[in-house]
């Protein structure tokens, strides 16, 4: 869905295309820890999405660096930042 939105921004005709939009990936990792899962752990991580990369794969990379094995990825939103980035959360 996001790729379709980004592709729709391409300028056609004689005009030069706009500079590439930077896309950031923001991950909120939540995990149950401890021997019986009695502790809730939370962390936030961010990273850039390089051109051609799969956003799900990048989110899994970031989440794994925060919390180890990843069981579930759920995308909730995207937003535009004043510096011109689009952030996938």
C-alpha atoms as a PDB file:
ATOM      1  CA  UNK A   1       0.000   0.000   0.000  1.00  0.00           C
ATOM      2  CA  UNK A   2       2.741   2.472   0.891  1.00  0.00           C
ATOM      3  CA  UNK A   3       4.712   1.608  -2.259  1.00  0.00           C
ATOM      4  CA  UNK A   4       1.658   2.473  -4.361  1.00  0.00           C
ATOM      5  CA  UNK A   5       1.311   5.788  -2.529  1.00  0.00           C
ATOM      6  CA  UNK A   6       4.981   6.632  -3.056  1.00  0.00           C
ATOM      7  CA  UNK A   7       4.848   5.682  -6.727  1.00  0.00           C
ATOM      8  CA  UNK A   8       1.879   7.998  -7.204  1.00  0.00           C
ATOM      9  CA  UNK A   9       4.145  10.926  -6.285  1.00  0.00           C
ATOM     10  CA  UNK A  10       6.331  10.532  -9.390  1.00  0.00           C
ATOM     11  CA  UNK A  11       6.150  13.564 -11.693  1.00  0.00           C
ATOM     12  CA  UNK A  12       5.426  12.861 -15.344  1.00  0.00           C
ATOM     13  CA  UNK A  13       6.078  14.939 -18.451  1.00  0.00           C
ATOM     14  CA  UNK A  14       9.088  17.193 -19.027  1.00  0.00           C
ATOM     15  CA  UNK A  15       9.539  18.136 -15.372  1.00  0.00           C
ATOM     16  CA  UNK A  16      12.376  16.521 -13.456  1.00  0.00           C
ATOM     17  CA  UNK A  17      11.248  14.010 -10.835  1.00  0.00           C
ATOM     18  CA  UNK A  18      11.337  15.198  -7.227  1.00  0.00           C
ATOM     19  CA  UNK A  19      14.210  14.048  -5.011  1.00  0.00           C
ATOM     20  CA  UNK A  20      13.639  10.652  -3.423  1.00  0.00           C
ATOM     21  CA  UNK A  21      11.587  10.736  -0.237  1.00  0.00           C
ATOM     22  CA  UNK A  22      13.365   9.373   2.802  1.00  0.00           C
ATOM     23  CA  UNK A  23      11.375   6.672   4.581  1.00  0.00           C
ATOM     24  CA  UNK A  24      11.974   5.867   8.220  1.00  0.00           C
ATOM     25  CA  UNK A  25      10.852   2.729  10.025  1.00  0.00           C
ATOM     26  CA  UNK A  26       9.841   3.067  13.684  1.00  0.00           C
ATOM     27  CA  UNK A  27       9.420  -0.061  15.809  1.00  0.00           C
ATOM     28  CA  UNK A  28       7.896  -0.433  19.250  1.00  0.00           C
ATOM     29  CA  UNK A  29       8.966  -3.822  20.633  1.00  0.00           C
ATOM     30  CA  UNK A  30       6.984  -5.350  23.477  1.00  0.00           C
ATOM     31  CA  UNK A  31       7.903  -8.660  25.095  1.00  0.00           C
ATOM     32  CA  UNK A  32       7.098 -10.773  28.121  1.00  0.00           C
ATOM     33  CA  UNK A  33      10.308 -11.700  29.908  1.00  0.00           C
ATOM     34  CA  UNK A  34      11.331 -13.718  32.908  1.00  0.00           C
ATOM     35  CA  UNK A  35      10.880 -17.420  33.534  1.00  0.00           C
ATOM     36  CA  UNK A  36       7.087 -17.291  33.514  1.00  0.00           C
ATOM     37  CA  UNK A  37       6.597 -14.137  31.471  1.00  0.00           C
ATOM     38  CA  UNK A  38       5.855 -11.992  34.500  1.00  0.00           C
ATOM     39  CA  UNK A  39       7.752  -8.917  33.295  1.00  0.00           C
ATOM     40  CA  UNK A  40       6.724  -6.673  30.405  1.00  0.00           C
ATOM     41  CA  UNK A  41       9.656  -5.188  28.460  1.00  0.00           C
ATOM     42  CA  UNK A  42       9.315  -2.265  26.035  1.00  0.00           C
ATOM     43  CA  UNK A  43      11.740  -0.600  23.616  1.00  0.00           C
ATOM     44  CA  UNK A  44      11.597   1.801  20.667  1.00  0.00           C
ATOM     45  CA  UNK A  45      13.892   1.644  17.663  1.00  0.00           C
ATOM     46  CA  UNK A  46      14.153   3.607  14.427  1.00  0.00           C
ATOM     47  CA  UNK A  47      15.972   3.144  11.152  1.00  0.00           C
ATOM     48  CA  UNK A  48      15.942   4.208   7.524  1.00  0.00           C
ATOM     49  CA  UNK A  49      14.361   2.175   4.748  1.00  0.00           C
ATOM     50  CA  UNK A  50      16.822   1.926   1.888  1.00  0.00           C
ATOM     51  CA  UNK A  51      15.491   2.017  -1.659  1.00  0.00           C
ATOM     52  CA  UNK A  52      14.101  -1.335  -2.749  1.00  0.00           C
ATOM     53  CA  UNK A  53      14.092  -2.848   0.752  1.00  0.00           C
ATOM     54  CA  UNK A  54      11.034  -4.608   2.132  1.00  0.00           C
ATOM     55  CA  UNK A  55       9.561  -2.547   5.035  1.00  0.00           C
ATOM     56  CA  UNK A  56       8.540  -5.733   6.895  1.00  0.00           C
ATOM     57  CA  UNK A  57      12.088  -7.113   6.701  1.00  0.00           C
ATOM     58  CA  UNK A  58      13.547  -3.808   7.935  1.00  0.00           C
ATOM     59  CA  UNK A  59      11.043  -3.678  10.818  1.00  0.00           C
ATOM     60  CA  UNK A  60      12.000  -7.255  11.783  1.00  0.00           C
ATOM     61  CA  UNK A  61      15.717  -6.298  11.738  1.00  0.00           C
ATOM     62  CA  UNK A  62      15.121  -3.344  14.042  1.00  0.00           C
ATOM     63  CA  UNK A  63      12.831  -5.344  16.348  1.00  0.00           C
ATOM     64  CA  UNK A  64      15.327  -8.218  16.549  1.00  0.00           C
ATOM     65  CA  UNK A  65      18.074  -5.772  17.568  1.00  0.00           C
ATOM     66  CA  UNK A  66      15.827  -4.592  20.413  1.00  0.00           C
ATOM     67  CA  UNK A  67      14.182  -7.769  21.648  1.00  0.00           C
ATOM     68  CA  UNK A  68      15.659 -10.845  19.960  1.00  0.00           C
ATOM     69  CA  UNK A  69      13.289 -13.244  18.194  1.00  0.00           C
ATOM     70  CA  UNK A  70      10.277 -11.561  16.575  1.00  0.00           C
ATOM     71  CA  UNK A  71       6.897 -13.297  16.717  1.00  0.00           C
ATOM     72  CA  UNK A  72       4.627 -10.658  15.195  1.00  0.00           C
ATOM     73  CA  UNK A  73       4.931  -7.457  13.158  1.00  0.00           C
ATOM     74  CA  UNK A  74       1.916  -5.133  12.923  1.00  0.00           C
ATOM     75  CA  UNK A  75       1.980  -1.855  11.005  1.00  0.00           C
ATOM     76  CA  UNK A  76      -0.309   0.729  12.531  1.00  0.00           C
ATOM     77  CA  UNK A  77       0.367   3.989  10.733  1.00  0.00           C
ATOM     78  CA  UNK A  78       2.488   6.275   8.640  1.00  0.00           C
ATOM     79  CA  UNK A  79       3.152   9.967   9.075  1.00  0.00           C
ATOM     80  CA  UNK A  80       4.934  12.799   7.308  1.00  0.00           C
ATOM     81  CA  UNK A  81       7.694  14.599   9.223  1.00  0.00           C
ATOM     82  CA  UNK A  82       8.629  18.263   8.616  1.00  0.00           C
ATOM     83  CA  UNK A  83      12.119  17.233   7.446  1.00  0.00           C
ATOM     84  CA  UNK A  84      10.484  15.496   4.454  1.00  0.00           C
ATOM     85  CA  UNK A  85      10.600  11.913   5.741  1.00  0.00           C
ATOM     86  CA  UNK A  86       7.707   9.497   5.754  1.00  0.00           C
ATOM     87  CA  UNK A  87       7.782   7.320   8.891  1.00  0.00           C
ATOM     88  CA  UNK A  88       6.195   3.864   8.913  1.00  0.00           C
ATOM     89  CA  UNK A  89       5.214   2.784  12.436  1.00  0.00           C
END
